[in-house]
Amino acid sequence: MPSTVFVFSYMGRAVVATSFFLSSGWKITHPGEFSDAYRRIGPRFLDFSGWIGWALAVVEIVVGCSILLTGVSRAVIVLPSLLLLAVLSLALLLAPDLQSGCGCWTKPPGTPPRHVYLSRNLILAVFALTGLASGPGDSINFGVIALSLIVGGLISFALMELPEIRTVWLAGRPSTGR
């Protein structure tokens, strides 16, 4: 029977992996929206072309799959996801504006402040760090892995919708000028 530590560790990894899978799927199925976001966020020296969306989607899928591996050093499987989150967060931080969204999910109405996207990436990084935990009796249990993927998918979907949730939460409230 797997330890509770393994269950929570794997669930955290599943949240990060499914977030990468959702983001890559969105890029592939919404190339126009991704193109608009990339032009505002992406580095100026690397002009947009269709292959960039596909390449980034492939990187996200590979990193998402790697963090789900069991039996591999935890530092080895967690590091790529933290590096990818850091690079994506840096791009969001340096972007002149986020009028077209983050390039990883549907753009909510209005323009959510930068900190919403950065907070989401920070939460994902914390979930990735839970993948470093280990406990006695860590073993592969396909029921636990399946449940982790389902719960991780639900949590990651909510995290991807965080800018939209913020918009709904603040609807009808007087503007604070932020």
C-alpha atoms as a PDB file:
ATOM      1  CA  MET A   1       0.000   0.000   0.000  1.00  0.00           C
ATOM      2  CA  PRO A   2       1.498   3.327  -0.955  1.00  0.00           C
ATOM      3  CA  SER A   3       2.278   5.845   1.711  1.00  0.00           C
ATOM      4  CA  THR A   4       0.183   8.950   2.160  1.00  0.00           C
ATOM      5  CA  VAL A   5       3.268  10.989   1.289  1.00  0.00           C
ATOM      6  CA  PHE A   6       3.494   9.246  -2.095  1.00  0.00           C
ATOM      7  CA  VAL A   7      -0.198   9.868  -2.769  1.00  0.00           C
ATOM      8  CA  PHE A   8       0.057  13.614  -2.100  1.00  0.00           C
ATOM      9  CA  SER A   9       3.408  13.869  -3.866  1.00  0.00           C
ATOM     10  CA  TYR A  10       2.083  12.162  -6.973  1.00  0.00           C
ATOM     11  CA  MET A  11      -1.128  14.188  -6.881  1.00  0.00           C
ATOM     12  CA  GLY A  12       0.914  17.409  -6.860  1.00  0.00           C
ATOM     13  CA  ARG A  13       2.900  16.141  -9.823  1.00  0.00           C
ATOM     14  CA  ALA A  14      -0.341  15.225 -11.601  1.00  0.00           C
ATOM     15  CA  VAL A  15      -1.637  18.800 -11.131  1.00  0.00           C
ATOM     16  CA  VAL A  16       1.460  20.189 -12.838  1.00  0.00           C
ATOM     17  CA  ALA A  17       1.434  17.576 -15.605  1.00  0.00           C
ATOM     18  CA  THR A  18      -2.221  18.050 -16.465  1.00  0.00           C
ATOM     19  CA  SER A  19      -1.764  21.822 -16.449  1.00  0.00           C
ATOM     20  CA  PHE A  20       0.982  21.408 -19.043  1.00  0.00           C
ATOM     21  CA  PHE A  21      -1.228  19.005 -21.028  1.00  0.00           C
ATOM     22  CA  LEU A  22      -4.160  21.449 -20.950  1.00  0.00           C
ATOM     23  CA  SER A  23      -1.902  24.321 -21.998  1.00  0.00           C
ATOM     24  CA  SER A  24      -0.349  22.368 -24.862  1.00  0.00           C
ATOM     25  CA  GLY A  25      -3.753  21.207 -26.066  1.00  0.00           C
ATOM     26  CA  TRP A  26      -5.020  24.778 -25.995  1.00  0.00           C
ATOM     27  CA  LYS A  27      -2.049  26.002 -28.065  1.00  0.00           C
ATOM     28  CA  ILE A  28      -2.671  23.323 -30.679  1.00  0.00           C
ATOM     29  CA  THR A  29      -6.445  23.868 -30.882  1.00  0.00           C
ATOM     30  CA  HIS A  30      -6.359  27.694 -30.688  1.00  0.00           C
ATOM     31  CA  PRO A  31      -3.441  28.720 -32.922  1.00  0.00           C
ATOM     32  CA  GLY A  32      -4.883  32.180 -33.653  1.00  0.00           C
ATOM     33  CA  GLU A  33      -5.327  33.095 -30.002  1.00  0.00           C
ATOM     34  CA  PHE A  34      -1.891  31.681 -29.160  1.00  0.00           C
ATOM     35  CA  SER A  35      -0.392  33.682 -32.026  1.00  0.00           C
ATOM     36  CA  ASP A  36      -1.916  36.919 -30.677  1.00  0.00           C
ATOM     37  CA  ALA A  37      -0.685  36.229 -27.150  1.00  0.00           C
ATOM     38  CA  TYR A  38       2.773  35.174 -28.318  1.00  0.00           C
ATOM     39  CA  ARG A  39       3.226  38.339 -30.357  1.00  0.00           C
ATOM     40  CA  ARG A  40       2.635  40.376 -27.187  1.00  0.00           C
ATOM     41  CA  ILE A  41       4.547  38.142 -24.785  1.00  0.00           C
ATOM     42  CA  GLY A  42       7.208  36.340 -26.812  1.00  0.00           C
ATOM     43  CA  PRO A  43      10.761  37.535 -27.256  1.00  0.00           C
ATOM     44  CA  ARG A  44      11.135  40.169 -29.954  1.00  0.00           C
ATOM     45  CA  PHE A  45      14.141  38.403 -31.492  1.00  0.00           C
ATOM     46  CA  LEU A  46      12.063  35.261 -32.183  1.00  0.00           C
ATOM     47  CA  ASP A  47       9.224  36.261 -34.464  1.00  0.00           C
ATOM     48  CA  PHE A  48       6.104  34.133 -34.353  1.00  0.00           C
ATOM     49  CA  SER A  49       5.553  31.306 -36.771  1.00  0.00           C
ATOM     50  CA  GLY A  50       3.319  28.269 -36.502  1.00  0.00           C
ATOM     51  CA  TRP A  51       6.133  25.972 -35.466  1.00  0.00           C
ATOM     52  CA  ILE A  52       6.678  27.879 -32.206  1.00  0.00           C
ATOM     53  CA  GLY A  53       3.222  26.936 -30.907  1.00  0.00           C
ATOM     54  CA  TRP A  54       3.817  23.309 -31.811  1.00  0.00           C
ATOM     55  CA  ALA A  55       7.330  23.294 -30.361  1.00  0.00           C
ATOM     56  CA  LEU A  56       6.173  24.798 -27.068  1.00  0.00           C
ATOM     57  CA  ALA A  57       3.260  22.340 -26.951  1.00  0.00           C
ATOM     58  CA  VAL A  58       5.657  19.417 -27.455  1.00  0.00           C
ATOM     59  CA  VAL A  59       7.953  20.739 -24.700  1.00  0.00           C
ATOM     60  CA  GLU A  60       4.966  21.025 -22.337  1.00  0.00           C
ATOM     61  CA  ILE A  61       3.855  17.468 -23.151  1.00  0.00           C
ATOM     62  CA  VAL A  62       7.353  16.051 -22.644  1.00  0.00           C
ATOM     63  CA  VAL A  63       7.812  17.920 -19.349  1.00  0.00           C
ATOM     64  CA  GLY A  64       4.306  16.886 -18.240  1.00  0.00           C
ATOM     65  CA  CYS A  65       5.028  13.235 -19.015  1.00  0.00           C
ATOM     66  CA  SER A  66       8.424  13.355 -17.320  1.00  0.00           C
ATOM     67  CA  ILE A  67       7.043  14.633 -14.015  1.00  0.00           C
ATOM     68  CA  LEU A  68       4.646  11.670 -13.943  1.00  0.00           C
ATOM     69  CA  LEU A  69       7.431   9.097 -14.160  1.00  0.00           C
ATOM     70  CA  THR A  70       7.879   6.869 -11.159  1.00  0.00           C
ATOM     71  CA  GLY A  71      11.088   5.134 -10.200  1.00  0.00           C
ATOM     72  CA  VAL A  72      13.241   8.062 -11.357  1.00  0.00           C
ATOM     73  CA  SER A  73      15.084  10.482  -9.100  1.00  0.00           C
ATOM     74  CA  ARG A  74      12.569  13.044  -7.896  1.00  0.00           C
ATOM     75  CA  ALA A  75      14.958  15.933  -8.471  1.00  0.00           C
ATOM     76  CA  VAL A  76      15.387  14.832 -12.083  1.00  0.00           C
ATOM     77  CA  ILE A  77      11.632  14.730 -12.755  1.00  0.00           C
ATOM     78  CA  VAL A  78      10.728  17.936 -10.907  1.00  0.00           C
ATOM     79  CA  LEU A  79      13.523  20.179 -12.217  1.00  0.00           C
ATOM     80  CA  PRO A  80      12.280  20.435 -15.854  1.00  0.00           C
ATOM     81  CA  SER A  81       8.814  21.529 -14.722  1.00  0.00           C
ATOM     82  CA  LEU A  82      10.266  24.172 -12.413  1.00  0.00           C
ATOM     83  CA  LEU A  83      12.535  25.442 -15.198  1.00  0.00           C
ATOM     84  CA  LEU A  84       9.639  25.614 -17.680  1.00  0.00           C
ATOM     85  CA  LEU A  85       7.458  27.446 -15.143  1.00  0.00           C
ATOM     86  CA  ALA A  86      10.314  29.870 -14.448  1.00  0.00           C
ATOM     87  CA  VAL A  87      10.824  30.608 -18.160  1.00  0.00           C
ATOM     88  CA  LEU A  88       7.090  31.084 -18.751  1.00  0.00           C
ATOM     89  CA  SER A  89       6.800  33.309 -15.672  1.00  0.00           C
ATOM     90  CA  LEU A  90       9.754  35.387 -16.813  1.00  0.00           C
ATOM     91  CA  ALA A  91       8.097  35.860 -20.214  1.00  0.00           C
ATOM     92  CA  LEU A  92       4.910  37.028 -18.473  1.00  0.00           C
ATOM     93  CA  LEU A  93       6.888  39.310 -16.197  1.00  0.00           C
ATOM     94  CA  LEU A  94       8.756  40.947 -19.073  1.00  0.00           C
ATOM     95  CA  ALA A  95       5.772  41.194 -21.428  1.00  0.00           C
ATOM     96  CA  PRO A  96       4.800  44.794 -22.226  1.00  0.00           C
ATOM     97  CA  ASP A  97       1.124  43.900 -21.765  1.00  0.00           C
ATOM     98  CA  LEU A  98      -1.117  40.900 -21.334  1.00  0.00           C
ATOM     99  CA  GLN A  99      -4.064  42.159 -23.388  1.00  0.00           C
ATOM    100  CA  SER A 100      -4.158  38.869 -25.312  1.00  0.00           C
ATOM    101  CA  GLY A 101      -3.836  36.685 -22.221  1.00  0.00           C
ATOM    102  CA  CYS A 102      -1.035  34.391 -21.178  1.00  0.00           C
ATOM    103  CA  GLY A 103      -0.771  32.245 -24.304  1.00  0.00           C
ATOM    104  CA  CYS A 104      -1.561  29.118 -22.338  1.00  0.00           C
ATOM    105  CA  TRP A 105      -5.311  29.302 -21.914  1.00  0.00           C
ATOM    106  CA  THR A 106      -8.346  31.203 -23.107  1.00  0.00           C
ATOM    107  CA  LYS A 107      -8.184  34.946 -22.505  1.00  0.00           C
ATOM    108  CA  PRO A 108     -10.744  36.093 -19.943  1.00  0.00           C
ATOM    109  CA  PRO A 109     -12.770  39.256 -20.535  1.00  0.00           C
ATOM    110  CA  GLY A 110     -10.766  42.353 -19.729  1.00  0.00           C
ATOM    111  CA  THR A 111      -7.110  42.139 -18.910  1.00  0.00           C
ATOM    112  CA  PRO A 112      -6.322  40.392 -15.631  1.00  0.00           C
ATOM    113  CA  PRO A 113      -3.360  41.879 -13.831  1.00  0.00           C
ATOM    114  CA  ARG A 114      -0.006  40.217 -14.305  1.00  0.00           C
ATOM    115  CA  HIS A 115       0.034  38.940 -10.721  1.00  0.00           C
ATOM    116  CA  VAL A 116      -2.887  36.584 -11.417  1.00  0.00           C
ATOM    117  CA  TYR A 117      -0.858  34.699 -14.013  1.00  0.00           C
ATOM    118  CA  LEU A 118       2.286  34.779 -11.902  1.00  0.00           C
ATOM    119  CA  SER A 119       0.351  33.550  -8.855  1.00  0.00           C
ATOM    120  CA  ARG A 120      -0.985  30.639 -10.886  1.00  0.00           C
ATOM    121  CA  ASN A 121       2.548  29.709 -11.939  1.00  0.00           C
ATOM    122  CA  LEU A 122       3.741  29.994  -8.329  1.00  0.00           C
ATOM    123  CA  ILE A 123       0.964  27.642  -7.192  1.00  0.00           C
ATOM    124  CA  LEU A 124       1.985  25.194  -9.930  1.00  0.00           C
ATOM    125  CA  ALA A 125       5.619  25.444  -8.776  1.00  0.00           C
ATOM    126  CA  VAL A 126       4.541  24.587  -5.219  1.00  0.00           C
ATOM    127  CA  PHE A 127       2.631  21.573  -6.555  1.00  0.00           C
ATOM    128  CA  ALA A 128       5.757  20.574  -8.507  1.00  0.00           C
ATOM    129  CA  LEU A 129       7.859  20.843  -5.339  1.00  0.00           C
ATOM    130  CA  THR A 130       5.549  18.383  -3.587  1.00  0.00           C
ATOM    131  CA  GLY A 131       6.951  15.888  -6.073  1.00  0.00           C
ATOM    132  CA  LEU A 132      10.225  15.978  -4.158  1.00  0.00           C
ATOM    133  CA  ALA A 133       8.632  14.366  -1.088  1.00  0.00           C
ATOM    134  CA  SER A 134       9.159  10.691  -0.447  1.00  0.00           C
ATOM    135  CA  GLY A 135       7.975   8.382   2.229  1.00  0.00           C
ATOM    136  CA  PRO A 136       8.247   4.790   3.313  1.00  0.00           C
ATOM    137  CA  GLY A 137       6.470   2.346   1.070  1.00  0.00           C
ATOM    138  CA  ASP A 138       6.457   4.447  -2.095  1.00  0.00           C
ATOM    139  CA  SER A 139       5.271   2.007  -4.700  1.00  0.00           C
ATOM    140  CA  ILE A 140       3.485   2.136  -7.991  1.00  0.00           C
ATOM    141  CA  ASN A 141      -0.223   1.658  -7.455  1.00  0.00           C
ATOM    142  CA  PHE A 142      -2.213   2.193 -10.622  1.00  0.00           C
ATOM    143  CA  GLY A 143      -5.374   3.050  -8.667  1.00  0.00           C
ATOM    144  CA  VAL A 144      -3.555   5.839  -6.850  1.00  0.00           C
ATOM    145  CA  ILE A 145      -2.017   7.055 -10.107  1.00  0.00           C
ATOM    146  CA  ALA A 146      -5.418   7.076 -11.858  1.00  0.00           C
ATOM    147  CA  LEU A 147      -7.077   8.906  -8.969  1.00  0.00           C
ATOM    148  CA  SER A 148      -4.175  11.380  -8.835  1.00  0.00           C
ATOM    149  CA  LEU A 149      -4.547  12.119 -12.530  1.00  0.00           C
ATOM    150  CA  ILE A 150      -8.290  12.707 -12.180  1.00  0.00           C
ATOM    151  CA  VAL A 151      -7.984  14.943  -9.113  1.00  0.00           C
ATOM    152  CA  GLY A 152      -4.900  16.629 -10.573  1.00  0.00           C
ATOM    153  CA  GLY A 153      -6.843  17.325 -13.754  1.00  0.00           C
ATOM    154  CA  LEU A 154      -9.681  18.958 -11.854  1.00  0.00           C
ATOM    155  CA  ILE A 155      -7.335  21.104  -9.785  1.00  0.00           C
ATOM    156  CA  SER A 156      -5.238  22.102 -12.795  1.00  0.00           C
ATOM    157  CA  PHE A 157      -8.357  23.023 -14.770  1.00  0.00           C
ATOM    158  CA  ALA A 158      -9.396  25.322 -11.899  1.00  0.00           C
ATOM    159  CA  LEU A 159      -5.895  26.839 -11.855  1.00  0.00           C
ATOM    160  CA  MET A 160      -5.967  27.434 -15.610  1.00  0.00           C
ATOM    161  CA  GLU A 161      -9.297  29.225 -15.145  1.00  0.00           C
ATOM    162  CA  LEU A 162      -7.921  31.400 -12.316  1.00  0.00           C
ATOM    163  CA  PRO A 163      -7.966  34.638 -14.378  1.00  0.00           C
ATOM    164  CA  GLU A 164     -11.600  33.963 -15.358  1.00  0.00           C
ATOM    165  CA  ILE A 165     -12.493  33.083 -11.752  1.00  0.00           C
ATOM    166  CA  ARG A 166     -10.950  36.389 -10.639  1.00  0.00           C
ATOM    167  CA  THR A 167     -13.086  38.240 -13.200  1.00  0.00           C
ATOM    168  CA  VAL A 168     -16.273  36.561 -11.971  1.00  0.00           C
ATOM    169  CA  TRP A 169     -15.294  37.085  -8.322  1.00  0.00           C
ATOM    170  CA  LEU A 170     -14.802  40.816  -8.843  1.00  0.00           C
ATOM    171  CA  ALA A 171     -17.839  41.312 -11.086  1.00  0.00           C
ATOM    172  CA  GLY A 172     -20.044  44.106  -9.776  1.00  0.00           C
ATOM    173  CA  ARG A 173     -17.454  45.376  -7.322  1.00  0.00           C
ATOM    174  CA  PRO A 174     -16.386  48.996  -7.615  1.00  0.00           C
ATOM    175  CA  SER A 175     -13.087  49.450  -9.413  1.00  0.00           C
ATOM    176  CA  THR A 176     -10.100  50.037  -7.137  1.00  0.00           C
ATOM    177  CA  GLY A 177      -7.948  51.415  -9.928  1.00  0.00           C
ATOM    178  CA  ARG A 178      -5.774  48.250 -10.175  1.00  0.00           C
END
